[in-house]
Amino acid sequence: MFVLELTYTAPVERVDALMAEHITWLDEQYAAGVFIASGRKSPRNGGVILAVGEDRAAIEKIAAADPFAAHGVCAYRITEFIATKTAPALAPYRQPLP
């Protein structure tokens, strides 16, 4: 599992100009089963996405395709973790320790 932390690197007006494209990209990743939660940070200086995947390189490629990243209005920090405990609704995403 991966935590994708976005930090805006441009004024929020530039971010907002790309918001419709970003939401379309988010919707595509939800439909593909990659993203399971996302939202804005508070204060609004970026966002957070919770993603699932077997391969960090694939997650990095997905993040690079975000219109925010492609247009240089955010930076990504990707943290991989092993989800050994979850809420019952997220049980399908639990992982055993290696």
Protein backbone atom coordinates (compact mmCIF):
# COMPACT_ATOMS: atom_id res chain seq x y z
CA MET A 1 0.00 0.00 0.00
CA PHE A 2 1.16 3.54 -0.68
CA VAL A 3 0.55 7.00 0.73
CA LEU A 4 0.95 9.65 -1.95
CA GLU A 5 1.42 13.11 -0.45
CA LEU A 6 1.05 16.03 -2.82
CA THR A 7 2.48 19.44 -1.93
CA TYR A 8 1.58 22.39 -4.11
CA THR A 9 4.58 24.11 -5.68
CA ALA A 10 2.56 26.80 -7.46
CA PRO A 11 -0.14 29.28 -6.43
CA VAL A 12 -3.52 27.68 -5.73
CA GLU A 13 -4.98 29.54 -8.74
CA ARG A 14 -2.75 27.46 -11.05
CA VAL A 15 -3.78 24.32 -9.17
CA ASP A 16 -7.47 25.21 -9.52
CA ALA A 17 -7.04 25.76 -13.27
CA LEU A 18 -6.03 22.08 -13.55
CA MET A 19 -8.58 20.71 -11.07
CA ALA A 20 -11.01 19.24 -13.66
CA GLU A 21 -8.16 17.34 -15.35
CA HIS A 22 -6.88 16.16 -11.96
CA ILE A 23 -10.34 14.88 -10.97
CA THR A 24 -10.65 12.97 -14.26
CA TRP A 25 -7.26 11.38 -13.55
CA LEU A 26 -8.37 10.51 -10.00
CA ASP A 27 -11.59 8.95 -11.32
CA GLU A 28 -9.58 6.79 -13.75
CA GLN A 29 -7.41 5.47 -10.91
CA TYR A 30 -10.44 4.75 -8.71
CA ALA A 31 -12.05 2.85 -11.62
CA ALA A 32 -8.82 0.87 -12.08
CA GLY A 33 -8.88 -0.11 -8.39
CA VAL A 34 -5.62 1.67 -7.59
CA PHE A 35 -6.89 4.51 -5.39
CA ILE A 36 -9.02 3.82 -2.32
CA ALA A 37 -9.13 7.28 -0.67
CA SER A 38 -8.05 10.83 -1.45
CA GLY A 39 -8.58 14.42 -0.38
CA ARG A 40 -7.16 17.87 0.26
CA LYS A 41 -4.83 18.61 3.12
CA SER A 42 -5.92 21.13 5.71
CA PRO A 43 -4.62 23.78 5.41
CA ARG A 44 -4.98 23.54 1.64
CA ASN A 45 -1.39 23.17 0.53
CA GLY A 46 -1.72 19.82 -1.22
CA GLY A 47 -3.47 16.51 -0.89
CA VAL A 48 -3.17 12.87 0.13
CA ILE A 49 -4.01 9.71 -1.81
CA LEU A 50 -4.13 6.17 -0.45
CA ALA A 51 -3.23 3.70 -3.20
CA VAL A 52 -2.80 -0.04 -3.55
CA GLY A 53 -0.39 -1.82 -5.83
CA GLU A 54 2.30 -4.45 -5.94
CA ASP A 55 4.89 -2.29 -7.66
CA ARG A 56 6.31 1.06 -6.55
CA ALA A 57 7.45 1.85 -10.10
CA ALA A 58 3.86 1.53 -11.34
CA ILE A 59 2.62 3.89 -8.61
CA GLU A 60 5.37 6.38 -9.49
CA LYS A 61 4.33 6.22 -13.16
CA ILE A 62 0.69 6.86 -12.20
CA ALA A 63 1.70 9.84 -10.03
CA ALA A 64 3.79 11.29 -12.87
CA ALA A 65 0.69 11.18 -15.10
CA ASP A 66 -1.29 13.39 -12.71
CA PRO A 67 -1.97 16.68 -14.52
CA PHE A 68 -0.78 18.48 -11.38
CA ALA A 69 2.61 16.75 -11.68
CA ALA A 70 2.76 16.98 -15.48
CA HIS A 71 2.19 20.74 -15.32
CA GLY A 72 4.58 21.27 -12.41
CA VAL A 73 2.12 22.55 -9.80
CA CYS A 74 2.82 19.87 -7.19
CA ALA A 75 5.54 17.60 -5.87
CA TYR A 76 4.86 14.01 -4.82
CA ARG A 77 6.22 12.16 -1.81
CA ILE A 78 5.41 8.45 -2.01
CA THR A 79 5.60 6.25 1.08
CA GLU A 80 5.18 2.50 0.82
CA PHE A 81 3.92 0.57 3.84
CA ILE A 82 2.63 -2.87 4.74
CA ALA A 83 -1.02 -2.65 5.82
CA THR A 84 -1.07 -5.38 8.44
CA LYS A 85 -4.13 -3.98 10.24
CA THR A 86 -7.14 -2.25 8.70
CA ALA A 87 -10.73 -1.31 9.37
CA PRO A 88 -13.09 -4.18 8.47
CA ALA A 89 -14.12 -2.47 5.21
CA LEU A 90 -10.47 -2.46 4.10
CA ALA A 91 -9.81 -6.10 5.02
CA PRO A 92 -9.17 -7.08 1.35
CA TYR A 93 -6.11 -4.79 1.44
CA ARG A 94 -4.45 -6.34 4.51
CA GLN A 95 -0.97 -7.66 3.95
CA PRO A 96 1.10 -10.22 5.82
CA LEU A 97 4.57 -9.28 6.97
CA PRO A 98 7.29 -10.65 4.68
